[in-house]
PDB file of N, CA and C in Angstrom:
ATOM      1  N   MET A   1       0.829  -1.140  -0.051  1.00  0.00           N
ATOM      2  CA  MET A   1      -0.009  -0.076  -0.045  1.00  0.00           C
ATOM      3  C   MET A   1       0.829   1.254  -0.109  1.00  0.00           C
ATOM      4  N   LYS A   2       0.440   2.292  -0.611  1.00  0.00           N
ATOM      5  CA  LYS A   2       1.237   3.506  -0.583  1.00  0.00           C
ATOM      6  C   LYS A   2       0.816   4.343   0.805  1.00  0.00           C
ATOM      7  N   GLN A   3       1.924   4.918   1.196  1.00  0.00           N
ATOM      8  CA  GLN A   3       1.654   5.778   2.359  1.00  0.00           C
ATOM      9  C   GLN A   3       0.718   6.918   2.086  1.00  0.00           C
ATOM     10  N   SER A   4      -0.223   7.237   2.936  1.00  0.00           N
ATOM     11  CA  SER A   4      -1.243   8.274   2.795  1.00  0.00           C
ATOM     12  C   SER A   4      -0.940   9.479   3.669  1.00  0.00           C
ATOM     13  N   GLN A   5      -1.024  10.642   2.923  1.00  0.00           N
ATOM     14  CA  GLN A   5      -0.824  11.738   3.652  1.00  0.00           C
ATOM     15  C   GLN A   5      -2.096  12.033   4.748  1.00  0.00           C
ATOM     16  N   ASN A   6      -3.160  11.339   4.643  1.00  0.00           N
ATOM     17  CA  ASN A   6      -4.258  11.412   5.635  1.00  0.00           C
ATOM     18  C   ASN A   6      -4.237  10.580   6.839  1.00  0.00           C
ATOM     19  N   LEU A   7      -3.212   9.775   6.911  1.00  0.00           N
ATOM     20  CA  LEU A   7      -3.098   8.972   8.106  1.00  0.00           C
ATOM     21  C   LEU A   7      -2.652   9.702   9.244  1.00  0.00           C
ATOM     22  N   LYS A   8      -3.498   9.559  10.413  1.00  0.00           N
ATOM     23  CA  LYS A   8      -2.918  10.209  11.628  1.00  0.00           C
ATOM     24  C   LYS A   8      -1.868   9.493  12.206  1.00  0.00           C
ATOM     25  N   ARG A   9      -1.030  10.051  13.142  1.00  0.00           N
ATOM     26  CA  ARG A   9       0.178   9.364  13.915  1.00  0.00           C
ATOM     27  C   ARG A   9      -0.588   8.372  14.769  1.00  0.00           C
ATOM     28  N   CYS A  10       0.211   7.430  15.361  1.00  0.00           N
ATOM     29  CA  CYS A  10      -0.375   6.474  16.323  1.00  0.00           C
ATOM     30  C   CYS A  10      -0.895   7.066  17.508  1.00  0.00           C
ATOM     31  N   PRO A  11      -2.103   6.743  17.945  1.00  0.00           N
ATOM     32  CA  PRO A  11      -2.700   7.403  19.083  1.00  0.00           C
ATOM     33  C   PRO A  11      -2.077   6.881  20.520  1.00  0.00           C
ATOM     34  N   PHE A  12      -1.075   5.985  20.392  1.00  0.00           N
ATOM     35  CA  PHE A  12      -0.477   5.413  21.772  1.00  0.00           C
ATOM     36  C   PHE A  12       0.883   6.088  21.838  1.00  0.00           C
ATOM     37  N   CYS A  13       1.617   6.073  20.740  1.00  0.00           N
ATOM     38  CA  CYS A  13       3.057   6.623  20.858  1.00  0.00           C
ATOM     39  C   CYS A  13       3.438   7.685  20.047  1.00  0.00           C
ATOM     40  N   GLY A  14       2.643   8.051  19.103  1.00  0.00           N
ATOM     41  CA  GLY A  14       2.787   9.054  18.187  1.00  0.00           C
ATOM     42  C   GLY A  14       3.818   8.723  16.910  1.00  0.00           C
ATOM     43  N   GLY A  15       3.952   7.343  16.869  1.00  0.00           N
ATOM     44  CA  GLY A  15       4.778   6.829  15.695  1.00  0.00           C
ATOM     45  C   GLY A  15       3.974   7.127  14.369  1.00  0.00           C
ATOM     46  N   GLU A  16       4.931   6.770  13.380  1.00  0.00           N
ATOM     47  CA  GLU A  16       4.497   6.777  11.999  1.00  0.00           C
ATOM     48  C   GLU A  16       3.687   5.564  11.554  1.00  0.00           C
ATOM     49  N   PRO A  17       2.401   5.812  10.991  1.00  0.00           N
ATOM     50  CA  PRO A  17       1.636   4.707  10.605  1.00  0.00           C
ATOM     51  C   PRO A  17       2.140   4.019   9.320  1.00  0.00           C
ATOM     52  N   ILE A  18       1.937   2.807   9.082  1.00  0.00           N
ATOM     53  CA  ILE A  18       2.369   2.113   7.990  1.00  0.00           C
ATOM     54  C   ILE A  18       1.166   1.309   7.440  1.00  0.00           C
ATOM     55  N   PRO A  19       0.627   1.737   6.303  1.00  0.00           N
ATOM     56  CA  PRO A  19      -0.298   1.020   5.650  1.00  0.00           C
ATOM     57  C   PRO A  19       0.003  -0.381   5.179  1.00  0.00           C
ATOM     58  N   THR A  20      -0.674  -1.476   5.149  1.00  0.00           N
ATOM     59  CA  THR A  20      -0.307  -2.614   4.758  1.00  0.00           C
ATOM     60  C   THR A  20      -1.481  -3.520   4.182  1.00  0.00           C
ATOM     61  N   SER A  21      -1.213  -4.279   3.148  1.00  0.00           N
ATOM     62  CA  SER A  21      -2.411  -5.059   2.462  1.00  0.00           C
ATOM     63  C   SER A  21      -1.723  -6.319   1.954  1.00  0.00           C
ATOM     64  N   GLU A  22      -2.723  -7.297   1.949  1.00  0.00           N
ATOM     65  CA  GLU A  22      -2.229  -8.690   1.326  1.00  0.00           C
ATOM     66  C   GLU A  22      -3.424  -9.131   0.434  1.00  0.00           C
ATOM     67  N   ILE A  23      -3.043  -9.537  -0.656  1.00  0.00           N
ATOM     68  CA  ILE A  23      -4.046 -10.293  -1.623  1.00  0.00           C
ATOM     69  C   ILE A  23      -3.826 -11.758  -1.584  1.00  0.00           C
ATOM     70  N   SER A  24      -4.770 -12.447  -1.150  1.00  0.00           N
ATOM     71  CA  SER A  24      -4.634 -14.027  -1.038  1.00  0.00           C
ATOM     72  C   SER A  24      -5.479 -14.533  -2.007  1.00  0.00           C
ATOM     73  N   PRO A  25      -4.897 -15.240  -3.048  1.00  0.00           N
ATOM     74  CA  PRO A  25      -5.738 -15.992  -4.040  1.00  0.00           C
ATOM     75  C   PRO A  25      -6.471 -17.204  -3.420  1.00  0.00           C
ATOM     76  N   LYS A  26      -7.545 -17.391  -3.768  1.00  0.00           N
ATOM     77  CA  LYS A  26      -8.553 -18.412  -3.356  1.00  0.00           C
ATOM     78  C   LYS A  26      -9.055 -19.192  -4.637  1.00  0.00           C
ATOM     79  N   LEU A  27      -9.724 -20.381  -4.325  1.00  0.00           N
ATOM     80  CA  LEU A  27     -10.244 -20.967  -5.612  1.00  0.00           C
ATOM     81  C   LEU A  27     -11.361 -20.225  -6.242  1.00  0.00           C
ATOM     82  N   SER A  28     -12.227 -19.504  -5.499  1.00  0.00           N
ATOM     83  CA  SER A  28     -13.376 -18.851  -6.108  1.00  0.00           C
ATOM     84  C   SER A  28     -12.994 -17.169  -6.251  1.00  0.00           C
ATOM     85  N   GLY A  29     -11.879 -16.832  -5.986  1.00  0.00           N
ATOM     86  CA  GLY A  29     -11.505 -15.485  -6.232  1.00  0.00           C
ATOM     87  C   GLY A  29     -10.389 -14.996  -5.322  1.00  0.00           C
ATOM     88  N   ASN A  30     -10.351 -13.722  -4.961  1.00  0.00           N
ATOM     89  CA  ASN A  30      -9.229 -13.192  -4.108  1.00  0.00           C
ATOM     90  C   ASN A  30      -9.822 -12.621  -2.918  1.00  0.00           C
ATOM     91  N   VAL A  31      -9.044 -12.564  -1.884  1.00  0.00           N
ATOM     92  CA  VAL A  31      -9.253 -11.977  -0.665  1.00  0.00           C
ATOM     93  C   VAL A  31      -8.225 -10.789  -0.459  1.00  0.00           C
ATOM     94  N   ILE A  32      -8.725  -9.602  -0.191  1.00  0.00           N
ATOM     95  CA  ILE A  32      -7.880  -8.355   0.125  1.00  0.00           C
ATOM     96  C   ILE A  32      -8.010  -8.112   1.647  1.00  0.00           C
ATOM     97  N   GLU A  33      -6.915  -8.240   2.322  1.00  0.00           N
ATOM     98  CA  GLU A  33      -7.044  -7.548   3.745  1.00  0.00           C
ATOM     99  C   GLU A  33      -6.050  -6.462   3.750  1.00  0.00           C
ATOM    100  N   ALA A  34      -6.471  -5.523   4.433  1.00  0.00           N
ATOM    101  CA  ALA A  34      -5.945  -4.217   4.567  1.00  0.00           C
ATOM    102  C   ALA A  34      -5.878  -3.685   6.068  1.00  0.00           C
ATOM    103  N   TYR A  35      -4.865  -3.189   6.311  1.00  0.00           N
ATOM    104  CA  TYR A  35      -4.691  -2.606   7.772  1.00  0.00           C
ATOM    105  C   TYR A  35      -3.649  -1.658   7.800  1.00  0.00           C
ATOM    106  N   VAL A  36      -3.580  -0.793   8.994  1.00  0.00           N
ATOM    107  CA  VAL A  36      -2.495  -0.063   9.294  1.00  0.00           C
ATOM    108  C   VAL A  36      -2.062  -0.344  10.560  1.00  0.00           C
ATOM    109  N   PHE A  37      -0.686  -0.101  10.617  1.00  0.00           N
ATOM    110  CA  PHE A  37      -0.093  -0.457  12.031  1.00  0.00           C
ATOM    111  C   PHE A  37       1.082   0.608  12.211  1.00  0.00           C
ATOM    112  N   CYS A  38       1.428   0.891  13.518  1.00  0.00           N
ATOM    113  CA  CYS A  38       2.391   1.641  13.954  1.00  0.00           C
ATOM    114  C   CYS A  38       3.807   1.155  13.798  1.00  0.00           C
ATOM    115  N   GLY A  39       4.666   1.812  13.086  1.00  0.00           N
ATOM    116  CA  GLY A  39       6.090   1.482  12.850  1.00  0.00           C
ATOM    117  C   GLY A  39       6.947   1.523  14.341  1.00  0.00           C
ATOM    118  N   GLU A  40       6.490   2.134  15.139  1.00  0.00           N
ATOM    119  CA  GLU A  40       7.194   2.397  16.370  1.00  0.00           C
ATOM    120  C   GLU A  40       6.641   1.339  17.566  1.00  0.00           C
ATOM    121  N   CYS A  41       5.480   1.271  17.971  1.00  0.00           N
ATOM    122  CA  CYS A  41       4.980   0.264  18.908  1.00  0.00           C
ATOM    123  C   CYS A  41       4.235  -0.787  18.465  1.00  0.00           C
ATOM    124  N   VAL A  42       3.968  -0.916  17.012  1.00  0.00           N
ATOM    125  CA  VAL A  42       3.457  -1.997  16.437  1.00  0.00           C
ATOM    126  C   VAL A  42       1.835  -2.148  16.666  1.00  0.00           C
ATOM    127  N   ALA A  43       1.313  -1.034  17.188  1.00  0.00           N
ATOM    128  CA  ALA A  43      -0.309  -1.164  17.351  1.00  0.00           C
ATOM    129  C   ALA A  43      -0.861  -1.254  16.156  1.00  0.00           C
ATOM    130  N   GLN A  44      -1.946  -1.994  15.979  1.00  0.00           N
ATOM    131  CA  GLN A  44      -2.495  -2.276  14.727  1.00  0.00           C
ATOM    132  C   GLN A  44      -4.077  -1.928  14.831  1.00  0.00           C
ATOM    133  N   GLY A  45      -4.556  -1.243  13.731  1.00  0.00           N
ATOM    134  CA  GLY A  45      -5.847  -0.878  13.540  1.00  0.00           C
ATOM    135  C   GLY A  45      -6.690  -2.303  12.977  1.00  0.00           C
ATOM    136  N   PRO A  46      -7.907  -2.239  13.119  1.00  0.00           N
ATOM    137  CA  PRO A  46      -8.760  -3.319  12.480  1.00  0.00           C
ATOM    138  C   PRO A  46      -8.525  -3.543  11.041  1.00  0.00           C
ATOM    139  N   THR A  47      -8.592  -4.970  10.811  1.00  0.00           N
ATOM    140  CA  THR A  47      -8.383  -5.325   9.406  1.00  0.00           C
ATOM    141  C   THR A  47      -9.613  -5.316   8.672  1.00  0.00           C
ATOM    142  N   THR A  48      -9.603  -4.708   7.387  1.00  0.00           N
ATOM    143  CA  THR A  48     -10.793  -4.904   6.490  1.00  0.00           C
ATOM    144  C   THR A  48     -10.574  -5.942   5.756  1.00  0.00           C
ATOM    145  N   THR A  49     -11.411  -6.864   5.352  1.00  0.00           N
ATOM    146  CA  THR A  49     -11.381  -8.009   4.422  1.00  0.00           C
ATOM    147  C   THR A  49     -12.512  -7.845   3.340  1.00  0.00           C
ATOM    148  N   LEU A  50     -12.143  -7.774   2.125  1.00  0.00           N
ATOM    149  CA  LEU A  50     -13.000  -7.828   1.016  1.00  0.00           C
ATOM    150  C   LEU A  50     -12.784  -8.951   0.064  1.00  0.00           C
ATOM    151  N   TRP A  51     -13.846  -9.416  -0.542  1.00  0.00           N
ATOM    152  CA  TRP A  51     -13.470 -10.591  -1.626  1.00  0.00           C
ATOM    153  C   TRP A  51     -14.011 -10.078  -2.948  1.00  0.00           C
ATOM    154  N   GLN A  52     -13.190 -10.606  -4.108  1.00  0.00           N
ATOM    155  CA  GLN A  52     -13.715 -10.429  -5.474  1.00  0.00           C
ATOM    156  C   GLN A  52     -13.157 -11.534  -6.211  1.00  0.00           C
ATOM    157  N   GLY A  53     -13.776 -11.788  -7.447  1.00  0.00           N
ATOM    158  CA  GLY A  53     -13.336 -12.725  -8.238  1.00  0.00           C
ATOM    159  C   GLY A  53     -11.946 -12.597  -8.790  1.00  0.00           C
ATOM    160  N   PRO A  54     -11.472 -13.576  -9.580  1.00  0.00           N
ATOM    161  CA  PRO A  54     -10.006 -13.653  -9.881  1.00  0.00           C
ATOM    162  C   PRO A  54      -9.429 -12.487 -10.665  1.00  0.00           C
ATOM    163  N   GLU A  55     -10.305 -11.423 -11.113  1.00  0.00           N
ATOM    164  CA  GLU A  55      -9.686 -10.341 -11.971  1.00  0.00           C
ATOM    165  C   GLU A  55      -9.217  -9.283 -11.250  1.00  0.00           C
ATOM    166  N   ILE A  56      -9.227  -9.388  -9.713  1.00  0.00           N
ATOM    167  CA  ILE A  56      -8.668  -8.109  -9.065  1.00  0.00           C
ATOM    168  C   ILE A  56      -7.293  -7.933  -9.219  1.00  0.00           C
ATOM    169  N   LEU A  57      -6.885  -6.786  -9.287  1.00  0.00           N
ATOM    170  CA  LEU A  57      -5.409  -6.360  -9.381  1.00  0.00           C
ATOM    171  C   LEU A  57      -5.260  -5.247  -8.428  1.00  0.00           C
ATOM    172  N   GLU A  58      -3.957  -5.151  -7.992  1.00  0.00           N
ATOM    173  CA  GLU A  58      -3.596  -4.070  -7.113  1.00  0.00           C
ATOM    174  C   GLU A  58      -3.810  -2.769  -7.702  1.00  0.00           C
ATOM    175  N   GLY A  59      -4.432  -1.797  -7.248  1.00  0.00           N
ATOM    176  CA  GLY A  59      -4.781  -0.490  -7.584  1.00  0.00           C
ATOM    177  C   GLY A  59      -6.193  -0.551  -8.140  1.00  0.00           C
ATOM    178  N   GLY A  60      -6.916  -1.652  -8.227  1.00  0.00           N
ATOM    179  CA  GLY A  60      -8.215  -1.702  -8.572  1.00  0.00           C
ATOM    180  C   GLY A  60      -9.118  -1.077  -7.664  1.00  0.00           C
ATOM    181  N   GLU A  61     -10.639  -0.876  -7.956  1.00  0.00           N
ATOM    182  CA  GLU A  61     -11.397  -0.204  -7.182  1.00  0.00           C
ATOM    183  C   GLU A  61     -11.668  -0.971  -5.790  1.00  0.00           C
ATOM    184  N   LEU A  62     -11.589  -2.373  -5.800  1.00  0.00           N
ATOM    185  CA  LEU A  62     -11.723  -3.037  -4.466  1.00  0.00           C
ATOM    186  C   LEU A  62     -10.651  -2.854  -3.498  1.00  0.00           C
ATOM    187  N   TYR A  63      -9.436  -2.796  -4.063  1.00  0.00           N
ATOM    188  CA  TYR A  63      -8.209  -2.632  -3.341  1.00  0.00           C
ATOM    189  C   TYR A  63      -8.233  -1.167  -2.696  1.00  0.00           C
ATOM    190  N   LYS A  64      -8.747  -0.155  -3.660  1.00  0.00           N
ATOM    191  CA  LYS A  64      -8.734   1.080  -3.030  1.00  0.00           C
ATOM    192  C   LYS A  64      -9.803   1.208  -1.784  1.00  0.00           C
ATOM    193  N   ARG A  65     -10.964   0.557  -2.090  1.00  0.00           N
ATOM    194  CA  ARG A  65     -11.907   0.521  -1.020  1.00  0.00           C
ATOM    195  C   ARG A  65     -11.515  -0.168   0.266  1.00  0.00           C
ATOM    196  N   ALA A  66     -10.741  -1.118   0.009  1.00  0.00           N
ATOM    197  CA  ALA A  66     -10.147  -1.858   1.214  1.00  0.00           C
ATOM    198  C   ALA A  66      -9.088  -0.827   1.990  1.00  0.00           C
ATOM    199  N   TYR A  67      -8.374  -0.193   1.232  1.00  0.00           N
ATOM    200  CA  TYR A  67      -7.361   0.765   1.821  1.00  0.00           C
ATOM    201  C   TYR A  67      -8.129   1.944   2.541  1.00  0.00           C
ATOM    202  N   ALA A  68      -9.165   2.456   1.897  1.00  0.00           N
ATOM    203  CA  ALA A  68      -9.900   3.547   2.452  1.00  0.00           C
ATOM    204  C   ALA A  68     -10.541   3.173   3.697  1.00  0.00           C
ATOM    205  N   GLU A  69     -11.068   1.870   3.742  1.00  0.00           N
ATOM    206  CA  GLU A  69     -11.654   1.595   5.150  1.00  0.00           C
ATOM    207  C   GLU A  69     -10.657   1.388   6.182  1.00  0.00           C
ATOM    208  N   ALA A  70      -9.517   0.712   5.800  1.00  0.00           N
ATOM    209  CA  ALA A  70      -8.489   0.626   6.771  1.00  0.00           C
ATOM    210  C   ALA A  70      -7.889   1.937   7.272  1.00  0.00           C
ATOM    211  N   GLU A  71      -7.765   2.972   6.391  1.00  0.00           N
ATOM    212  CA  GLU A  71      -7.446   4.224   6.813  1.00  0.00           C
ATOM    213  C   GLU A  71      -8.568   4.851   7.874  1.00  0.00           C
ATOM    214  N   GLU A  72      -9.733   4.799   7.397  1.00  0.00           N
ATOM    215  CA  GLU A  72     -10.810   5.248   8.248  1.00  0.00           C
ATOM    216  C   GLU A  72     -10.679   4.563   9.691  1.00  0.00           C
ATOM    217  N   PHE A  73     -10.657   3.329   9.712  1.00  0.00           N
ATOM    218  CA  PHE A  73     -10.468   2.549  10.947  1.00  0.00           C
ATOM    219  C   PHE A  73      -9.172   3.222  11.804  1.00  0.00           C
ATOM    220  N   TRP A  74      -8.046   3.383  11.145  1.00  0.00           N
ATOM    221  CA  TRP A  74      -6.880   3.742  11.888  1.00  0.00           C
ATOM    222  C   TRP A  74      -7.094   5.170  12.397  1.00  0.00           C
ATOM    223  N   ASN A  75      -7.729   6.157  11.493  1.00  0.00           N
ATOM    224  CA  ASN A  75      -7.881   7.427  11.955  1.00  0.00           C
ATOM    225  C   ASN A  75      -8.927   7.719  12.872  1.00  0.00           C
ATOM    226  N   GLY A  76      -9.894   6.719  13.246  1.00  0.00           N
ATOM    227  CA  GLY A  76     -10.925   6.743  13.945  1.00  0.00           C
ATOM    228  C   GLY A  76     -10.310   6.934  15.494  1.00  0.00           C
ATOM    229  N   ARG A  77     -10.790   7.795  16.258  1.00  0.00           N
ATOM    230  CA  ARG A  77     -10.378   7.940  17.691  1.00  0.00           C
ATOM    231  C   ARG A  77     -11.595   8.043  18.576  1.00  0.00           C
ATOM    232  N   VAL A  78     -11.475   7.604  19.839  1.00  0.00           N
ATOM    233  CA  VAL A  78     -12.581   7.801  20.595  1.00  0.00           C
ATOM    234  C   VAL A  78     -12.799   9.305  20.803  1.00  0.00           C
ATOM    235  N   MET A  79     -11.787  10.081  21.192  1.00  0.00           N
ATOM    236  CA  MET A  79     -11.978  11.534  21.215  1.00  0.00           C
ATOM    237  C   MET A  79     -10.564  12.072  20.747  1.00  0.00           C
ATOM    238  N   ASP A  80     -10.486  12.785  19.682  1.00  0.00           N
ATOM    239  CA  ASP A  80      -9.391  13.650  19.260  1.00  0.00           C
ATOM    240  C   ASP A  80      -9.072  14.587  20.276  1.00  0.00           C
ATOM    241  N   LYS A  81      -7.841  14.925  20.478  1.00  0.00           N
ATOM    242  CA  LYS A  81      -7.348  16.042  21.362  1.00  0.00           C
ATOM    243  C   LYS A  81      -7.935  17.376  21.029  1.00  0.00           C
ATOM    244  N   GLU A  82      -7.962  17.736  19.627  1.00  0.00           N
ATOM    245  CA  GLU A  82      -8.617  18.869  19.217  1.00  0.00           C
ATOM    246  C   GLU A  82      -9.972  19.079  19.631  1.00  0.00           C
ATOM    247  N   VAL A  83     -10.890  18.060  19.445  1.00  0.00           N
ATOM    248  CA  VAL A  83     -12.154  18.080  19.749  1.00  0.00           C
ATOM    249  C   VAL A  83     -12.332  18.115  21.381  1.00  0.00           C
ATOM    250  N   LEU A  84     -11.582  17.530  22.210  1.00  0.00           N
ATOM    251  CA  LEU A  84     -11.553  17.547  23.560  1.00  0.00           C
ATOM    252  C   LEU A  84     -11.131  19.123  23.961  1.00  0.00           C
ATOM    253  N   LYS A  85     -10.219  19.606  23.490  1.00  0.00           N
ATOM    254  CA  LYS A  85      -9.871  20.937  23.807  1.00  0.00           C
ATOM    255  C   LYS A  85     -10.834  21.930  23.310  1.00  0.00           C
ATOM    256  N   ASP A  86     -11.650  21.797  22.171  1.00  0.00           N
ATOM    257  CA  ASP A  86     -12.749  22.611  21.857  1.00  0.00           C
ATOM    258  C   ASP A  86     -13.826  22.472  22.968  1.00  0.00           C
ATOM    259  N   LEU A  87     -14.120  21.335  23.182  1.00  0.00           N
ATOM    260  CA  LEU A  87     -15.280  21.101  24.385  1.00  0.00           C
ATOM    261  C   LEU A  87     -14.867  21.705  25.599  1.00  0.00           C
ATOM    262  N   GLU A  88     -13.581  21.599  26.081  1.00  0.00           N
ATOM    263  CA  GLU A  88     -13.096  22.284  27.307  1.00  0.00           C
ATOM    264  C   GLU A  88     -13.229  23.790  27.186  1.00  0.00           C
ATOM    265  N   ASP A  89     -12.850  24.395  26.051  1.00  0.00           N
ATOM    266  CA  ASP A  89     -13.054  25.825  25.793  1.00  0.00           C
ATOM    267  C   ASP A  89     -14.461  26.125  25.759  1.00  0.00           C
ATOM    268  N   THR A  90     -15.379  25.489  25.406  1.00  0.00           N
ATOM    269  CA  THR A  90     -16.741  25.884  25.320  1.00  0.00           C
ATOM    270  C   THR A  90     -17.354  25.668  26.723  1.00  0.00           C
ATOM    271  N   ARG A  91     -16.978  24.778  27.453  1.00  0.00           N
ATOM    272  CA  ARG A  91     -17.427  24.563  28.857  1.00  0.00           C
ATOM    273  C   ARG A  91     -16.831  25.803  29.612  1.00  0.00           C
ATOM    274  N   GLU A  92     -15.717  26.245  29.508  1.00  0.00           N
ATOM    275  CA  GLU A  92     -15.084  27.210  30.230  1.00  0.00           C
ATOM    276  C   GLU A  92     -15.981  28.712  29.941  1.00  0.00           C
ATOM    277  N   LYS A  93     -16.261  28.934  28.583  1.00  0.00           N
ATOM    278  CA  LYS A  93     -16.976  29.944  28.152  1.00  0.00           C
ATOM    279  C   LYS A  93     -18.516  30.002  28.689  1.00  0.00           C
ATOM    280  N   LEU A  94     -19.001  28.864  28.749  1.00  0.00           N
ATOM    281  CA  LEU A  94     -20.528  28.575  29.233  1.00  0.00           C
ATOM    282  C   LEU A  94     -20.377  28.976  30.862  1.00  0.00           C
ATOM    283  N   SER A  95     -19.462  28.514  31.569  1.00  0.00           N
ATOM    284  CA  SER A  95     -19.256  28.631  32.934  1.00  0.00           C
ATOM    285  C   SER A  95     -19.126  30.218  33.270  1.00  0.00           C
ATOM    286  N   LYS A  96     -18.465  30.814  32.561  1.00  0.00           N
ATOM    287  CA  LYS A  96     -18.194  32.159  32.713  1.00  0.00           C
ATOM    288  C   LYS A  96     -19.391  33.098  32.532  1.00  0.00           C
ATOM    289  N   LYS A  97     -20.258  32.625  31.439  1.00  0.00           N
ATOM    290  CA  LYS A  97     -21.530  33.267  31.218  1.00  0.00           C
ATOM    291  C   LYS A  97     -22.528  33.058  32.255  1.00  0.00           C
ATOM    292  N   LEU A  98     -22.446  31.737  32.756  1.00  0.00           N
ATOM    293  CA  LEU A  98     -23.550  31.258  33.839  1.00  0.00           C
ATOM    294  C   LEU A  98     -23.163  32.102  35.256  1.00  0.00           C
ATOM    295  N   GLU A  99     -21.745  32.443  35.412  1.00  0.00           N
ATOM    296  CA  GLU A  99     -21.544  33.130  36.575  1.00  0.00           C
ATOM    297  C   GLU A  99     -22.133  34.494  36.662  1.00  0.00           C
ATOM    298  N   GLY A 100     -22.270  35.201  35.582  1.00  0.00           N
ATOM    299  CA  GLY A 100     -23.015  36.524  35.440  1.00  0.00           C
ATOM    300  C   GLY A 100     -24.547  36.370  35.528  1.00  0.00           C
ATOM    301  N   ILE A 101     -25.084  35.265  35.610  1.00  0.00           N
ATOM    302  CA  ILE A 101     -26.584  35.172  35.704  1.00  0.00           C
ATOM    303  C   ILE A 101     -26.928  35.243  37.059  1.00  0.00           C
TER     304      ILE A 101
END
């Protein structure tokens, strides 16, 4: 898989993400497994598994979809630091307004 500019750093150690995929030939077609892992602490995001007939090639639409799903899983966070900061700022502003009431 190509390195994506859209991948966030590792949520555990801040390491560089490494996108990975495997295409496994089967009797009835091919299975693509895609996931992202950290090059520092080896944390791994969920694996996306997709199937298609024997005509699948790297760079095909299913391959791109598998990678996009793996990227989305990797980038998913319970709470981004930016969102948490925005929430805390909003809470402080509301608290100050409520003090004046």
